[in-house]
Amino acid sequence: MSDTTLTLEDLRGCLASAESIELQGMRLLKERPHLMTASHPIPRHLVVEAVTEIVAYTERCTAAARQLANLSPIPLLTISVMEFDI
């Protein structure tokens, strides 16, 4: 097992470099805000694709959250918390 040190700046850089994603369902709502009124129905295949994508995305997020929840705590020895005088 390797000993990897991750600094606060490393973590910030990692999170800042993560690409944002645009889900098809959100894109459809931006392109066609009138869809909420049902006056112009969306083709069924687009709805199926959008729902399938959001379900898969939700499952990936849940898996990532589960993995993050199981990480060991990392002491922050270089951070001062003024509220607690440490």
C-alpha atoms as a PDB file:
ATOM      1  CA  MET A   1       0.000   0.000   0.000  1.00  0.00           C
ATOM      2  CA  SER A   2       1.424   3.359  -0.965  1.00  0.00           C
ATOM      3  CA  ASP A   3       1.488   6.355   1.316  1.00  0.00           C
ATOM      4  CA  THR A   4       0.060   9.272  -0.655  1.00  0.00           C
ATOM      5  CA  THR A   5      -0.144  12.710   0.860  1.00  0.00           C
ATOM      6  CA  LEU A   6      -2.930  14.911  -0.438  1.00  0.00           C
ATOM      7  CA  THR A   7      -2.758  18.536   0.544  1.00  0.00           C
ATOM      8  CA  LEU A   8      -5.666  20.912   0.731  1.00  0.00           C
ATOM      9  CA  GLU A   9      -4.403  22.590  -2.449  1.00  0.00           C
ATOM     10  CA  ASP A  10      -4.192  19.182  -4.185  1.00  0.00           C
ATOM     11  CA  LEU A  11      -7.804  18.469  -3.230  1.00  0.00           C
ATOM     12  CA  ARG A  12      -8.940  21.916  -4.356  1.00  0.00           C
ATOM     13  CA  GLY A  13      -7.138  21.459  -7.680  1.00  0.00           C
ATOM     14  CA  CYS A  14      -8.649  18.012  -8.160  1.00  0.00           C
ATOM     15  CA  LEU A  15     -12.175  19.253  -7.535  1.00  0.00           C
ATOM     16  CA  ALA A  16     -11.676  22.355  -9.690  1.00  0.00           C
ATOM     17  CA  SER A  17     -10.432  20.261 -12.614  1.00  0.00           C
ATOM     18  CA  ALA A  18     -13.449  17.950 -12.603  1.00  0.00           C
ATOM     19  CA  GLU A  19     -15.459  18.461 -15.772  1.00  0.00           C
ATOM     20  CA  SER A  20     -19.032  19.551 -15.366  1.00  0.00           C
ATOM     21  CA  ILE A  21     -21.565  17.442 -17.182  1.00  0.00           C
ATOM     22  CA  GLU A  22     -24.779  18.422 -18.824  1.00  0.00           C
ATOM     23  CA  LEU A  23     -27.519  15.864 -18.614  1.00  0.00           C
ATOM     24  CA  GLN A  24     -29.804  15.523 -21.612  1.00  0.00           C
ATOM     25  CA  GLY A  25     -32.905  16.172 -19.511  1.00  0.00           C
ATOM     26  CA  MET A  26     -31.506  19.488 -18.296  1.00  0.00           C
ATOM     27  CA  ARG A  27     -30.509  20.404 -21.842  1.00  0.00           C
ATOM     28  CA  LEU A  28     -34.038  19.648 -23.077  1.00  0.00           C
ATOM     29  CA  LEU A  29     -35.540  21.901 -20.414  1.00  0.00           C
ATOM     30  CA  LYS A  30     -33.170  24.754 -21.343  1.00  0.00           C
ATOM     31  CA  GLU A  31     -33.862  24.389 -25.049  1.00  0.00           C
ATOM     32  CA  ARG A  32     -37.598  23.924 -24.682  1.00  0.00           C
ATOM     33  CA  PRO A  33     -38.905  25.546 -21.485  1.00  0.00           C
ATOM     34  CA  HIS A  34     -42.434  25.175 -22.874  1.00  0.00           C
ATOM     35  CA  LEU A  35     -42.136  21.403 -22.295  1.00  0.00           C
ATOM     36  CA  MET A  36     -43.381  21.907 -18.767  1.00  0.00           C
ATOM     37  CA  THR A  37     -46.718  23.116 -20.173  1.00  0.00           C
ATOM     38  CA  ALA A  38     -47.156  20.000 -22.324  1.00  0.00           C
ATOM     39  CA  SER A  39     -48.226  22.140 -25.262  1.00  0.00           C
ATOM     40  CA  HIS A  40     -45.397  20.712 -27.392  1.00  0.00           C
ATOM     41  CA  PRO A  41     -44.750  17.082 -26.443  1.00  0.00           C
ATOM     42  CA  ILE A  42     -41.216  15.696 -26.501  1.00  0.00           C
ATOM     43  CA  PRO A  43     -40.589  12.676 -28.699  1.00  0.00           C
ATOM     44  CA  ARG A  44     -40.770   9.547 -26.559  1.00  0.00           C
ATOM     45  CA  HIS A  45     -37.268   8.359 -27.466  1.00  0.00           C
ATOM     46  CA  LEU A  46     -35.782  11.622 -26.124  1.00  0.00           C
ATOM     47  CA  VAL A  47     -37.642  11.228 -22.847  1.00  0.00           C
ATOM     48  CA  VAL A  48     -36.465   7.618 -22.541  1.00  0.00           C
ATOM     49  CA  GLU A  49     -32.840   8.650 -23.230  1.00  0.00           C
ATOM     50  CA  ALA A  50     -32.997  11.527 -20.750  1.00  0.00           C
ATOM     51  CA  VAL A  51     -34.540   9.414 -17.988  1.00  0.00           C
ATOM     52  CA  THR A  52     -32.079   6.569 -18.598  1.00  0.00           C
ATOM     53  CA  GLU A  53     -29.197   9.038 -18.385  1.00  0.00           C
ATOM     54  CA  ILE A  54     -30.405  10.616 -15.121  1.00  0.00           C
ATOM     55  CA  VAL A  55     -30.937   7.189 -13.522  1.00  0.00           C
ATOM     56  CA  ALA A  56     -27.407   6.103 -14.484  1.00  0.00           C
ATOM     57  CA  TYR A  57     -25.986   9.421 -13.244  1.00  0.00           C
ATOM     58  CA  THR A  58     -27.837   9.075  -9.940  1.00  0.00           C
ATOM     59  CA  GLU A  59     -26.476   5.551  -9.498  1.00  0.00           C
ATOM     60  CA  ARG A  60     -22.910   6.763 -10.179  1.00  0.00           C
ATOM     61  CA  CYS A  61     -23.322   9.613  -7.687  1.00  0.00           C
ATOM     62  CA  THR A  62     -24.694   7.227  -5.074  1.00  0.00           C
ATOM     63  CA  ALA A  63     -21.744   4.864  -5.571  1.00  0.00           C
ATOM     64  CA  ALA A  64     -19.278   7.762  -5.302  1.00  0.00           C
ATOM     65  CA  ALA A  65     -20.967   9.056  -2.143  1.00  0.00           C
ATOM     66  CA  ARG A  66     -20.821   5.557  -0.646  1.00  0.00           C
ATOM     67  CA  GLN A  67     -17.092   5.352  -1.383  1.00  0.00           C
ATOM     68  CA  LEU A  68     -16.469   8.806   0.078  1.00  0.00           C
ATOM     69  CA  ALA A  69     -18.409   7.888   3.209  1.00  0.00           C
ATOM     70  CA  ASN A  70     -16.094   4.920   3.742  1.00  0.00           C
ATOM     71  CA  LEU A  71     -12.857   6.923   3.510  1.00  0.00           C
ATOM     72  CA  SER A  72     -10.737   7.131   6.618  1.00  0.00           C
ATOM     73  CA  PRO A  73     -10.603  10.558   8.235  1.00  0.00           C
ATOM     74  CA  ILE A  74      -7.578  12.676   7.397  1.00  0.00           C
ATOM     75  CA  PRO A  75      -6.250  14.958  10.131  1.00  0.00           C
ATOM     76  CA  LEU A  76      -5.898  18.554   9.005  1.00  0.00           C
ATOM     77  CA  LEU A  77      -2.775  19.532  10.896  1.00  0.00           C
ATOM     78  CA  THR A  78      -2.044  22.703   8.962  1.00  0.00           C
ATOM     79  CA  ILE A  79      -5.467  24.314   9.285  1.00  0.00           C
ATOM     80  CA  SER A  80      -6.290  26.817  12.000  1.00  0.00           C
ATOM     81  CA  VAL A  81      -9.857  26.960  13.248  1.00  0.00           C
ATOM     82  CA  MET A  82     -10.161  30.304  14.966  1.00  0.00           C
ATOM     83  CA  GLU A  83     -13.597  29.526  16.418  1.00  0.00           C
ATOM     84  CA  PHE A  84     -12.053  26.729  18.490  1.00  0.00           C
ATOM     85  CA  ASP A  85      -8.755  28.522  19.201  1.00  0.00           C
ATOM     86  CA  ILE A  86      -6.702  25.775  17.545  1.00  0.00           C
END
